[in-house]
PDB file of N, CA and C in Angstrom:
ATOM      1  N   MET A   1     -12.155  12.172  26.004  1.00  0.00           N
ATOM      2  CA  MET A   1     -11.303  10.960  26.019  1.00  0.00           C
ATOM      3  C   MET A   1     -11.042  10.606  27.509  1.00  0.00           C
ATOM      4  N   ALA A   2     -11.153   9.285  27.674  1.00  0.00           N
ATOM      5  CA  ALA A   2     -11.079   8.679  28.933  1.00  0.00           C
ATOM      6  C   ALA A   2      -9.746   8.702  29.510  1.00  0.00           C
ATOM      7  N   THR A   3      -9.631   8.754  30.877  1.00  0.00           N
ATOM      8  CA  THR A   3      -8.350   8.802  31.509  1.00  0.00           C
ATOM      9  C   THR A   3      -7.791   7.240  31.605  1.00  0.00           C
ATOM     10  N   PHE A   4      -6.497   7.319  32.034  1.00  0.00           N
ATOM     11  CA  PHE A   4      -5.850   5.977  32.051  1.00  0.00           C
ATOM     12  C   PHE A   4      -6.700   5.169  33.123  1.00  0.00           C
ATOM     13  N   ALA A   5      -7.035   5.636  34.292  1.00  0.00           N
ATOM     14  CA  ALA A   5      -7.775   5.021  35.357  1.00  0.00           C
ATOM     15  C   ALA A   5      -9.029   4.543  34.902  1.00  0.00           C
ATOM     16  N   GLU A   6      -9.911   5.276  33.981  1.00  0.00           N
ATOM     17  CA  GLU A   6     -11.060   4.895  33.420  1.00  0.00           C
ATOM     18  C   GLU A   6     -10.786   3.635  32.326  1.00  0.00           C
ATOM     19  N   ASN A   7      -9.808   3.745  31.784  1.00  0.00           N
ATOM     20  CA  ASN A   7      -9.608   2.740  30.715  1.00  0.00           C
ATOM     21  C   ASN A   7      -9.161   1.420  31.418  1.00  0.00           C
ATOM     22  N   LEU A   8      -8.279   1.615  32.575  1.00  0.00           N
ATOM     23  CA  LEU A   8      -8.246   0.330  33.174  1.00  0.00           C
ATOM     24  C   LEU A   8      -9.284  -0.528  33.832  1.00  0.00           C
ATOM     25  N   ALA A   9     -10.242   0.377  34.253  1.00  0.00           N
ATOM     26  CA  ALA A   9     -11.496  -0.156  34.690  1.00  0.00           C
ATOM     27  C   ALA A   9     -12.195  -1.198  33.685  1.00  0.00           C
ATOM     28  N   THR A  10     -11.958  -0.966  32.480  1.00  0.00           N
ATOM     29  CA  THR A  10     -12.611  -1.603  31.337  1.00  0.00           C
ATOM     30  C   THR A  10     -11.778  -3.021  30.882  1.00  0.00           C
ATOM     31  N   LEU A  11     -10.604  -3.063  31.405  1.00  0.00           N
ATOM     32  CA  LEU A  11      -9.687  -4.259  30.966  1.00  0.00           C
ATOM     33  C   LEU A  11      -9.874  -5.412  31.758  1.00  0.00           C
ATOM     34  N   GLU A  12      -9.356  -6.530  31.177  1.00  0.00           N
ATOM     35  CA  GLU A  12      -9.506  -7.850  31.849  1.00  0.00           C
ATOM     36  C   GLU A  12      -8.779  -7.985  33.066  1.00  0.00           C
ATOM     37  N   ASN A  13      -9.332  -8.868  34.054  1.00  0.00           N
ATOM     38  CA  ASN A  13      -8.760  -9.066  35.370  1.00  0.00           C
ATOM     39  C   ASN A  13      -7.540  -9.880  35.042  1.00  0.00           C
ATOM     40  N   VAL A  14      -6.470  -9.476  35.704  1.00  0.00           N
ATOM     41  CA  VAL A  14      -5.009 -10.250  35.418  1.00  0.00           C
ATOM     42  C   VAL A  14      -4.682 -10.634  36.839  1.00  0.00           C
ATOM     43  N   ASP A  15      -5.338 -10.687  37.923  1.00  0.00           N
ATOM     44  CA  ASP A  15      -4.826 -11.228  39.246  1.00  0.00           C
ATOM     45  C   ASP A  15      -4.249 -12.598  39.449  1.00  0.00           C
ATOM     46  N   GLN A  16      -4.452 -13.373  38.462  1.00  0.00           N
ATOM     47  CA  GLN A  16      -4.067 -14.652  38.408  1.00  0.00           C
ATOM     48  C   GLN A  16      -2.452 -14.599  37.936  1.00  0.00           C
ATOM     49  N   PHE A  17      -1.934 -13.570  37.425  1.00  0.00           N
ATOM     50  CA  PHE A  17      -0.749 -13.418  36.679  1.00  0.00           C
ATOM     51  C   PHE A  17       0.337 -12.781  37.718  1.00  0.00           C
ATOM     52  N   GLY A  18       1.638 -13.072  37.603  1.00  0.00           N
ATOM     53  CA  GLY A  18       2.711 -12.312  38.469  1.00  0.00           C
ATOM     54  C   GLY A  18       3.422 -11.638  37.612  1.00  0.00           C
ATOM     55  N   SER A  19       3.776 -12.012  36.227  1.00  0.00           N
ATOM     56  CA  SER A  19       4.620 -11.489  35.339  1.00  0.00           C
ATOM     57  C   SER A  19       4.170 -11.794  34.027  1.00  0.00           C
ATOM     58  N   MET A  20       4.963 -11.008  33.043  1.00  0.00           N
ATOM     59  CA  MET A  20       4.716 -11.334  31.731  1.00  0.00           C
ATOM     60  C   MET A  20       6.204 -11.123  31.034  1.00  0.00           C
ATOM     61  N   LYS A  21       6.656 -11.919  30.182  1.00  0.00           N
ATOM     62  CA  LYS A  21       8.003 -11.568  29.464  1.00  0.00           C
ATOM     63  C   LYS A  21       7.599 -11.394  27.869  1.00  0.00           C
ATOM     64  N   LEU A  22       8.169 -10.462  27.252  1.00  0.00           N
ATOM     65  CA  LEU A  22       8.172 -10.191  25.868  1.00  0.00           C
ATOM     66  C   LEU A  22       9.174 -10.664  25.191  1.00  0.00           C
ATOM     67  N   PHE A  23       8.992 -11.475  24.077  1.00  0.00           N
ATOM     68  CA  PHE A  23       9.996 -12.179  23.172  1.00  0.00           C
ATOM     69  C   PHE A  23       9.966 -11.339  21.898  1.00  0.00           C
ATOM     70  N   ASP A  24      11.301 -11.170  21.328  1.00  0.00           N
ATOM     71  CA  ASP A  24      11.388 -10.541  20.133  1.00  0.00           C
ATOM     72  C   ASP A  24      11.251 -11.615  19.184  1.00  0.00           C
ATOM     73  N   GLU A  25      11.364 -11.156  17.808  1.00  0.00           N
ATOM     74  CA  GLU A  25      11.114 -11.880  16.708  1.00  0.00           C
ATOM     75  C   GLU A  25      12.053 -13.225  16.502  1.00  0.00           C
ATOM     76  N   MET A  26      13.135 -13.122  17.225  1.00  0.00           N
ATOM     77  CA  MET A  26      14.106 -14.177  17.344  1.00  0.00           C
ATOM     78  C   MET A  26      13.893 -15.221  18.412  1.00  0.00           C
ATOM     79  N   GLY A  27      12.888 -14.699  19.288  1.00  0.00           N
ATOM     80  CA  GLY A  27      12.659 -15.585  20.551  1.00  0.00           C
ATOM     81  C   GLY A  27      13.429 -15.241  21.786  1.00  0.00           C
ATOM     82  N   ASN A  28      14.144 -14.230  21.824  1.00  0.00           N
ATOM     83  CA  ASN A  28      14.902 -13.773  22.816  1.00  0.00           C
ATOM     84  C   ASN A  28      13.925 -12.944  23.725  1.00  0.00           C
ATOM     85  N   VAL A  29      14.225 -12.996  25.048  1.00  0.00           N
ATOM     86  CA  VAL A  29      13.383 -12.266  26.090  1.00  0.00           C
ATOM     87  C   VAL A  29      13.992 -10.731  25.728  1.00  0.00           C
ATOM     88  N   SER A  30      12.918  -9.801  25.615  1.00  0.00           N
ATOM     89  CA  SER A  30      13.368  -8.451  25.354  1.00  0.00           C
ATOM     90  C   SER A  30      12.686  -7.610  26.607  1.00  0.00           C
ATOM     91  N   GLY A  31      12.104  -7.950  27.406  1.00  0.00           N
ATOM     92  CA  GLY A  31      11.533  -7.260  28.420  1.00  0.00           C
ATOM     93  C   GLY A  31      10.521  -8.115  29.328  1.00  0.00           C
ATOM     94  N   MET A  32      10.419  -7.450  30.415  1.00  0.00           N
ATOM     95  CA  MET A  32       9.466  -8.268  31.633  1.00  0.00           C
ATOM     96  C   MET A  32       8.715  -7.151  32.168  1.00  0.00           C
ATOM     97  N   ILE A  33       7.382  -7.340  32.360  1.00  0.00           N
ATOM     98  CA  ILE A  33       6.543  -6.424  33.314  1.00  0.00           C
ATOM     99  C   ILE A  33       6.107  -7.416  34.233  1.00  0.00           C
ATOM    100  N   GLU A  34       6.164  -6.899  35.646  1.00  0.00           N
ATOM    101  CA  GLU A  34       5.595  -7.387  36.833  1.00  0.00           C
ATOM    102  C   GLU A  34       4.122  -6.947  36.998  1.00  0.00           C
ATOM    103  N   ASN A  35       3.395  -7.800  37.510  1.00  0.00           N
ATOM    104  CA  ASN A  35       2.019  -7.445  38.003  1.00  0.00           C
ATOM    105  C   ASN A  35       1.858  -6.930  39.275  1.00  0.00           C
ATOM    106  N   LYS A  36       2.533  -5.981  39.647  1.00  0.00           N
ATOM    107  CA  LYS A  36       2.746  -5.341  41.096  1.00  0.00           C
ATOM    108  C   LYS A  36       2.600  -3.989  40.994  1.00  0.00           C
ATOM    109  N   PRO A  37       2.275  -3.248  42.197  1.00  0.00           N
ATOM    110  CA  PRO A  37       2.272  -1.883  42.337  1.00  0.00           C
ATOM    111  C   PRO A  37       3.322  -1.092  41.557  1.00  0.00           C
ATOM    112  N   GLY A  38       3.033  -0.182  40.765  1.00  0.00           N
ATOM    113  CA  GLY A  38       4.002   0.638  39.926  1.00  0.00           C
ATOM    114  C   GLY A  38       3.961   0.148  38.455  1.00  0.00           C
ATOM    115  N   SER A  39       3.603  -1.161  38.144  1.00  0.00           N
ATOM    116  CA  SER A  39       3.703  -1.674  36.948  1.00  0.00           C
ATOM    117  C   SER A  39       2.518  -2.414  36.556  1.00  0.00           C
ATOM    118  N   SER A  40       1.467  -2.518  37.448  1.00  0.00           N
ATOM    119  CA  SER A  40       0.274  -3.429  37.146  1.00  0.00           C
ATOM    120  C   SER A  40      -0.624  -2.723  36.150  1.00  0.00           C
ATOM    121  N   GLY A  41      -0.563  -1.407  36.072  1.00  0.00           N
ATOM    122  CA  GLY A  41      -1.442  -0.828  34.971  1.00  0.00           C
ATOM    123  C   GLY A  41      -0.695  -1.097  33.451  1.00  0.00           C
ATOM    124  N   SER A  42       0.435  -1.108  33.485  1.00  0.00           N
ATOM    125  CA  SER A  42       1.304  -1.508  32.161  1.00  0.00           C
ATOM    126  C   SER A  42       0.905  -2.904  31.986  1.00  0.00           C
ATOM    127  N   PHE A  43       1.031  -3.662  32.943  1.00  0.00           N
ATOM    128  CA  PHE A  43       0.806  -5.193  32.692  1.00  0.00           C
ATOM    129  C   PHE A  43      -0.695  -5.477  32.166  1.00  0.00           C
ATOM    130  N   ARG A  44      -1.621  -4.903  32.694  1.00  0.00           N
ATOM    131  CA  ARG A  44      -2.801  -4.819  32.115  1.00  0.00           C
ATOM    132  C   ARG A  44      -3.212  -4.507  30.898  1.00  0.00           C
ATOM    133  N   VAL A  45      -2.554  -3.299  30.404  1.00  0.00           N
ATOM    134  CA  VAL A  45      -2.584  -2.700  29.081  1.00  0.00           C
ATOM    135  C   VAL A  45      -1.911  -3.688  28.043  1.00  0.00           C
ATOM    136  N   TYR A  46      -0.805  -4.078  28.400  1.00  0.00           N
ATOM    137  CA  TYR A  46      -0.094  -5.042  27.597  1.00  0.00           C
ATOM    138  C   TYR A  46      -0.797  -6.356  27.292  1.00  0.00           C
ATOM    139  N   TYR A  47      -1.344  -6.777  28.430  1.00  0.00           N
ATOM    140  CA  TYR A  47      -2.118  -8.110  28.446  1.00  0.00           C
ATOM    141  C   TYR A  47      -3.225  -7.868  27.517  1.00  0.00           C
ATOM    142  N   HIS A  48      -4.012  -6.964  27.761  1.00  0.00           N
ATOM    143  CA  HIS A  48      -5.262  -6.723  26.844  1.00  0.00           C
ATOM    144  C   HIS A  48      -4.747  -6.591  25.286  1.00  0.00           C
ATOM    145  N   ALA A  49      -3.800  -5.842  24.989  1.00  0.00           N
ATOM    146  CA  ALA A  49      -3.394  -5.430  23.693  1.00  0.00           C
ATOM    147  C   ALA A  49      -3.041  -6.915  23.043  1.00  0.00           C
ATOM    148  N   ALA A  50      -2.036  -7.602  23.789  1.00  0.00           N
ATOM    149  CA  ALA A  50      -1.636  -9.036  23.320  1.00  0.00           C
ATOM    150  C   ALA A  50      -2.732  -9.816  23.189  1.00  0.00           C
ATOM    151  N   LEU A  51      -3.594  -9.869  24.059  1.00  0.00           N
ATOM    152  CA  LEU A  51      -4.552 -10.905  23.867  1.00  0.00           C
ATOM    153  C   LEU A  51      -5.542 -10.617  22.619  1.00  0.00           C
ATOM    154  N   LYS A  52      -5.808  -9.329  22.499  1.00  0.00           N
ATOM    155  CA  LYS A  52      -6.669  -9.061  21.368  1.00  0.00           C
ATOM    156  C   LYS A  52      -5.995  -8.809  19.830  1.00  0.00           C
ATOM    157  N   TRP A  53      -4.603  -8.610  19.909  1.00  0.00           N
ATOM    158  CA  TRP A  53      -4.031  -8.448  18.639  1.00  0.00           C
ATOM    159  C   TRP A  53      -2.960  -9.929  18.480  1.00  0.00           C
ATOM    160  N   GLY A  54      -2.970 -10.730  19.372  1.00  0.00           N
ATOM    161  CA  GLY A  54      -2.029 -11.849  19.184  1.00  0.00           C
ATOM    162  C   GLY A  54      -0.579 -11.545  19.406  1.00  0.00           C
ATOM    163  N   GLY A  55      -0.208 -10.597  20.142  1.00  0.00           N
ATOM    164  CA  GLY A  55       1.161 -10.099  20.330  1.00  0.00           C
ATOM    165  C   GLY A  55       1.232  -8.632  20.402  1.00  0.00           C
ATOM    166  N   ILE A  56       2.445  -8.154  20.454  1.00  0.00           N
ATOM    167  CA  ILE A  56       2.371  -6.701  20.715  1.00  0.00           C
ATOM    168  C   ILE A  56       3.072  -6.092  19.139  1.00  0.00           C
ATOM    169  N   GLY A  57       2.449  -5.709  18.312  1.00  0.00           N
ATOM    170  CA  GLY A  57       2.907  -5.169  17.012  1.00  0.00           C
ATOM    171  C   GLY A  57       2.559  -3.649  16.888  1.00  0.00           C
ATOM    172  N   GLN A  58       2.529  -3.264  15.755  1.00  0.00           N
ATOM    173  CA  GLN A  58       2.114  -1.852  15.503  1.00  0.00           C
ATOM    174  C   GLN A  58       0.744  -1.483  15.951  1.00  0.00           C
ATOM    175  N   LYS A  59      -0.349  -2.385  15.489  1.00  0.00           N
ATOM    176  CA  LYS A  59      -1.779  -2.030  15.951  1.00  0.00           C
ATOM    177  C   LYS A  59      -1.877  -2.042  17.461  1.00  0.00           C
ATOM    178  N   ALA A  60      -1.414  -3.128  18.090  1.00  0.00           N
ATOM    179  CA  ALA A  60      -1.441  -3.389  19.364  1.00  0.00           C
ATOM    180  C   ALA A  60      -0.865  -2.253  20.194  1.00  0.00           C
ATOM    181  N   ALA A  61       0.325  -1.975  19.641  1.00  0.00           N
ATOM    182  CA  ALA A  61       1.058  -0.777  20.379  1.00  0.00           C
ATOM    183  C   ALA A  61       0.392   0.632  20.321  1.00  0.00           C
ATOM    184  N   GLN A  62      -0.325   0.764  19.269  1.00  0.00           N
ATOM    185  CA  GLN A  62      -1.099   2.075  18.980  1.00  0.00           C
ATOM    186  C   GLN A  62      -2.546   2.105  19.954  1.00  0.00           C
ATOM    187  N   GLU A  63      -3.086   0.883  20.043  1.00  0.00           N
ATOM    188  CA  GLU A  63      -4.207   0.812  20.968  1.00  0.00           C
ATOM    189  C   GLU A  63      -3.685   1.004  22.427  1.00  0.00           C
ATOM    190  N   ALA A  64      -2.494   0.256  22.702  1.00  0.00           N
ATOM    191  CA  ALA A  64      -1.978   0.510  24.117  1.00  0.00           C
ATOM    192  C   ALA A  64      -1.647   2.021  24.368  1.00  0.00           C
ATOM    193  N   LEU A  65      -1.082   2.703  23.436  1.00  0.00           N
ATOM    194  CA  LEU A  65      -0.851   4.094  23.660  1.00  0.00           C
ATOM    195  C   LEU A  65      -2.176   4.824  23.975  1.00  0.00           C
ATOM    196  N   GLU A  66      -3.240   4.378  23.332  1.00  0.00           N
ATOM    197  CA  GLU A  66      -4.431   5.101  23.624  1.00  0.00           C
ATOM    198  C   GLU A  66      -4.950   4.887  24.871  1.00  0.00           C
ATOM    199  N   LEU A  67      -4.876   3.591  25.429  1.00  0.00           N
ATOM    200  CA  LEU A  67      -5.225   3.096  26.466  1.00  0.00           C
ATOM    201  C   LEU A  67      -4.393   3.847  27.904  1.00  0.00           C
ATOM    202  N   PHE A  68      -3.027   4.343  27.523  1.00  0.00           N
ATOM    203  CA  PHE A  68      -2.430   4.862  28.448  1.00  0.00           C
ATOM    204  C   PHE A  68      -2.764   6.273  28.647  1.00  0.00           C
ATOM    205  N   ALA A  69      -3.658   6.851  27.685  1.00  0.00           N
ATOM    206  CA  ALA A  69      -4.177   7.992  27.812  1.00  0.00           C
ATOM    207  C   ALA A  69      -3.237   9.266  28.216  1.00  0.00           C
ATOM    208  N   GLU A  70      -3.413   9.880  29.224  1.00  0.00           N
ATOM    209  CA  GLU A  70      -2.563  11.024  29.492  1.00  0.00           C
ATOM    210  C   GLU A  70      -1.142  10.669  29.930  1.00  0.00           C
ATOM    211  N   HIS A  71      -0.825   9.411  30.124  1.00  0.00           N
ATOM    212  CA  HIS A  71       0.409   8.985  30.310  1.00  0.00           C
ATOM    213  C   HIS A  71       1.181   8.989  29.094  1.00  0.00           C
ATOM    214  N   THR A  72       0.683   8.807  27.904  1.00  0.00           N
ATOM    215  CA  THR A  72       1.267   8.657  26.597  1.00  0.00           C
ATOM    216  C   THR A  72       1.994  10.250  26.149  1.00  0.00           C
ATOM    217  N   GLU A  73       1.245  11.254  26.577  1.00  0.00           N
ATOM    218  CA  GLU A  73       1.831  12.279  26.211  1.00  0.00           C
ATOM    219  C   GLU A  73       2.917  12.794  27.286  1.00  0.00           C
ATOM    220  N   ASP A  74       2.717  12.269  28.461  1.00  0.00           N
ATOM    221  CA  ASP A  74       3.864  12.569  29.383  1.00  0.00           C
ATOM    222  C   ASP A  74       5.150  11.848  28.924  1.00  0.00           C
ATOM    223  N   ALA A  75       4.799  10.591  28.559  1.00  0.00           N
ATOM    224  CA  ALA A  75       6.053   9.783  28.046  1.00  0.00           C
ATOM    225  C   ALA A  75       6.590  10.553  26.809  1.00  0.00           C
ATOM    226  N   ARG A  76       5.947  11.068  25.939  1.00  0.00           N
ATOM    227  CA  ARG A  76       6.600  11.789  24.784  1.00  0.00           C
ATOM    228  C   ARG A  76       7.475  13.065  25.312  1.00  0.00           C
ATOM    229  N   GLN A  77       6.855  13.599  26.205  1.00  0.00           N
ATOM    230  CA  GLN A  77       7.515  14.820  26.816  1.00  0.00           C
ATOM    231  C   GLN A  77       8.799  14.583  27.685  1.00  0.00           C
ATOM    232  N   ASN A  78       8.810  13.324  28.361  1.00  0.00           N
ATOM    233  CA  ASN A  78       9.744  12.898  29.228  1.00  0.00           C
ATOM    234  C   ASN A  78      10.318  11.515  29.027  1.00  0.00           C
ATOM    235  N   PRO A  79      11.140  11.344  27.921  1.00  0.00           N
ATOM    236  CA  PRO A  79      11.496   9.995  27.544  1.00  0.00           C
ATOM    237  C   PRO A  79      12.286   9.365  28.715  1.00  0.00           C
ATOM    238  N   GLY A  80      12.016   8.139  28.831  1.00  0.00           N
ATOM    239  CA  GLY A  80      12.747   7.344  29.980  1.00  0.00           C
ATOM    240  C   GLY A  80      12.053   7.262  31.283  1.00  0.00           C
ATOM    241  N   LYS A  81      10.895   8.208  31.446  1.00  0.00           N
ATOM    242  CA  LYS A  81      10.025   8.270  32.756  1.00  0.00           C
ATOM    243  C   LYS A  81       9.135   7.079  32.631  1.00  0.00           C
ATOM    244  N   HIS A  82       8.570   6.680  31.427  1.00  0.00           N
ATOM    245  CA  HIS A  82       7.700   5.645  31.392  1.00  0.00           C
ATOM    246  C   HIS A  82       8.001   4.519  30.365  1.00  0.00           C
ATOM    247  N   PRO A  83       9.014   3.412  30.796  1.00  0.00           N
ATOM    248  CA  PRO A  83       9.705   2.615  29.835  1.00  0.00           C
ATOM    249  C   PRO A  83       8.811   1.906  29.275  1.00  0.00           C
ATOM    250  N   ASN A  84       7.712   1.326  29.784  1.00  0.00           N
ATOM    251  CA  ASN A  84       6.777   0.570  29.095  1.00  0.00           C
ATOM    252  C   ASN A  84       6.081   1.195  28.007  1.00  0.00           C
ATOM    253  N   ILE A  85       5.910   2.730  28.104  1.00  0.00           N
ATOM    254  CA  ILE A  85       5.234   3.348  26.978  1.00  0.00           C
ATOM    255  C   ILE A  85       6.236   3.583  25.999  1.00  0.00           C
ATOM    256  N   ASP A  86       7.558   4.001  26.236  1.00  0.00           N
ATOM    257  CA  ASP A  86       8.673   4.158  25.586  1.00  0.00           C
ATOM    258  C   ASP A  86       8.762   2.823  24.630  1.00  0.00           C
ATOM    259  N   ARG A  87       8.592   1.551  25.044  1.00  0.00           N
ATOM    260  CA  ARG A  87       8.854   0.437  24.313  1.00  0.00           C
ATOM    261  C   ARG A  87       7.670   0.440  23.175  1.00  0.00           C
ATOM    262  N   LEU A  88       6.541   0.924  23.613  1.00  0.00           N
ATOM    263  CA  LEU A  88       5.506   1.010  22.459  1.00  0.00           C
ATOM    264  C   LEU A  88       5.861   2.037  21.388  1.00  0.00           C
ATOM    265  N   PHE A  89       6.477   3.018  21.746  1.00  0.00           N
ATOM    266  CA  PHE A  89       6.891   3.871  20.615  1.00  0.00           C
ATOM    267  C   PHE A  89       7.816   3.158  19.695  1.00  0.00           C
ATOM    268  N   ASP A  90       8.812   2.563  20.406  1.00  0.00           N
ATOM    269  CA  ASP A  90       9.853   1.808  19.695  1.00  0.00           C
ATOM    270  C   ASP A  90       9.369   0.847  18.829  1.00  0.00           C
ATOM    271  N   ILE A  91       8.203  -0.071  19.184  1.00  0.00           N
ATOM    272  CA  ILE A  91       7.605  -0.903  18.431  1.00  0.00           C
ATOM    273  C   ILE A  91       7.031  -0.307  17.105  1.00  0.00           C
ATOM    274  N   ILE A  92       6.387   0.842  17.362  1.00  0.00           N
ATOM    275  CA  ILE A  92       5.761   1.419  16.096  1.00  0.00           C
ATOM    276  C   ILE A  92       6.862   2.132  15.134  1.00  0.00           C
ATOM    277  N   LYS A  93       7.884   2.619  15.753  1.00  0.00           N
ATOM    278  CA  LYS A  93       8.910   3.165  14.933  1.00  0.00           C
ATOM    279  C   LYS A  93       9.782   2.144  14.000  1.00  0.00           C
ATOM    280  N   ALA A  94      10.116   0.953  14.838  1.00  0.00           N
ATOM    281  CA  ALA A  94      10.736  -0.196  14.159  1.00  0.00           C
ATOM    282  C   ALA A  94      10.066  -1.144  13.487  1.00  0.00           C
ATOM    283  N   ASP A  95       8.695  -1.060  13.504  1.00  0.00           N
ATOM    284  CA  ASP A  95       7.733  -2.036  13.066  1.00  0.00           C
ATOM    285  C   ASP A  95       7.991  -3.562  13.479  1.00  0.00           C
ATOM    286  N   SER A  96       8.237  -3.415  14.850  1.00  0.00           N
ATOM    287  CA  SER A  96       8.736  -4.880  15.316  1.00  0.00           C
ATOM    288  C   SER A  96       7.409  -5.657  16.005  1.00  0.00           C
ATOM    289  N   VAL A  97       7.720  -6.824  16.341  1.00  0.00           N
ATOM    290  CA  VAL A  97       6.465  -7.528  16.993  1.00  0.00           C
ATOM    291  C   VAL A  97       7.006  -8.439  17.953  1.00  0.00           C
ATOM    292  N   TYR A  98       6.300  -8.225  19.196  1.00  0.00           N
ATOM    293  CA  TYR A  98       6.691  -9.001  20.315  1.00  0.00           C
ATOM    294  C   TYR A  98       5.631 -10.123  20.736  1.00  0.00           C
ATOM    295  N   SER A  99       6.119 -11.195  20.903  1.00  0.00           N
ATOM    296  CA  SER A  99       5.048 -12.226  21.615  1.00  0.00           C
ATOM    297  C   SER A  99       5.177 -12.072  22.920  1.00  0.00           C
ATOM    298  N   VAL A 100       4.044 -12.475  23.666  1.00  0.00           N
ATOM    299  CA  VAL A 100       3.983 -12.283  25.063  1.00  0.00           C
ATOM    300  C   VAL A 100       3.548 -13.576  25.857  1.00  0.00           C
ATOM    301  N   ARG A 101       4.311 -13.959  26.911  1.00  0.00           N
ATOM    302  CA  ARG A 101       3.826 -15.106  27.711  1.00  0.00           C
ATOM    303  C   ARG A 101       3.725 -14.653  29.033  1.00  0.00           C
ATOM    304  N   CYS A 102       2.397 -14.850  29.770  1.00  0.00           N
ATOM    305  CA  CYS A 102       2.224 -14.488  31.051  1.00  0.00           C
ATOM    306  C   CYS A 102       2.485 -15.802  32.029  1.00  0.00           C
ATOM    307  N   TYR A 103       2.961 -15.595  33.182  1.00  0.00           N
ATOM    308  CA  TYR A 103       3.246 -16.515  34.165  1.00  0.00           C
ATOM    309  C   TYR A 103       2.536 -16.331  35.375  1.00  0.00           C
ATOM    310  N   PRO A 104       1.960 -17.446  35.976  1.00  0.00           N
ATOM    311  CA  PRO A 104       0.994 -17.257  37.122  1.00  0.00           C
ATOM    312  C   PRO A 104       1.744 -16.735  38.404  1.00  0.00           C
ATOM    313  N   VAL A 105       0.869 -16.425  39.379  1.00  0.00           N
ATOM    314  CA  VAL A 105       1.490 -15.665  40.542  1.00  0.00           C
ATOM    315  C   VAL A 105       2.205 -16.928  41.299  1.00  0.00           C
TER     316      VAL A 105
END
C-alpha cells in the first residue's frame, strides 16, 4: 500500500488555489480547507476526490480515505486529531454529499 506522501505525488497540482469551501445539500458552508502548510495535503486529496466524483459523497470519501493512507488509521484511533479525515468518516456514516468550490490564491 502506498504512503500518503506517495499518493500526494500522483495528484493534481493545486498551486493556483488558496482555499476551498464545502457546501452541504442545503447550500450552507459546512467547512473550509486552506491550501497552506498543515492542510495542503488535505486540500489536494479533497480536490482530487471532488474533481473525480463531482463532489464529496460516499464514493469520493472512501477514495479520499484510501489516499490518506496511514493517516486514516491514525484518525480512527485518535478522533479529532485529523478533522478533515473525520469529516470523511462522517460523510460515509451519514450518506451526505458536499459540493466543493475552490478559490484562487
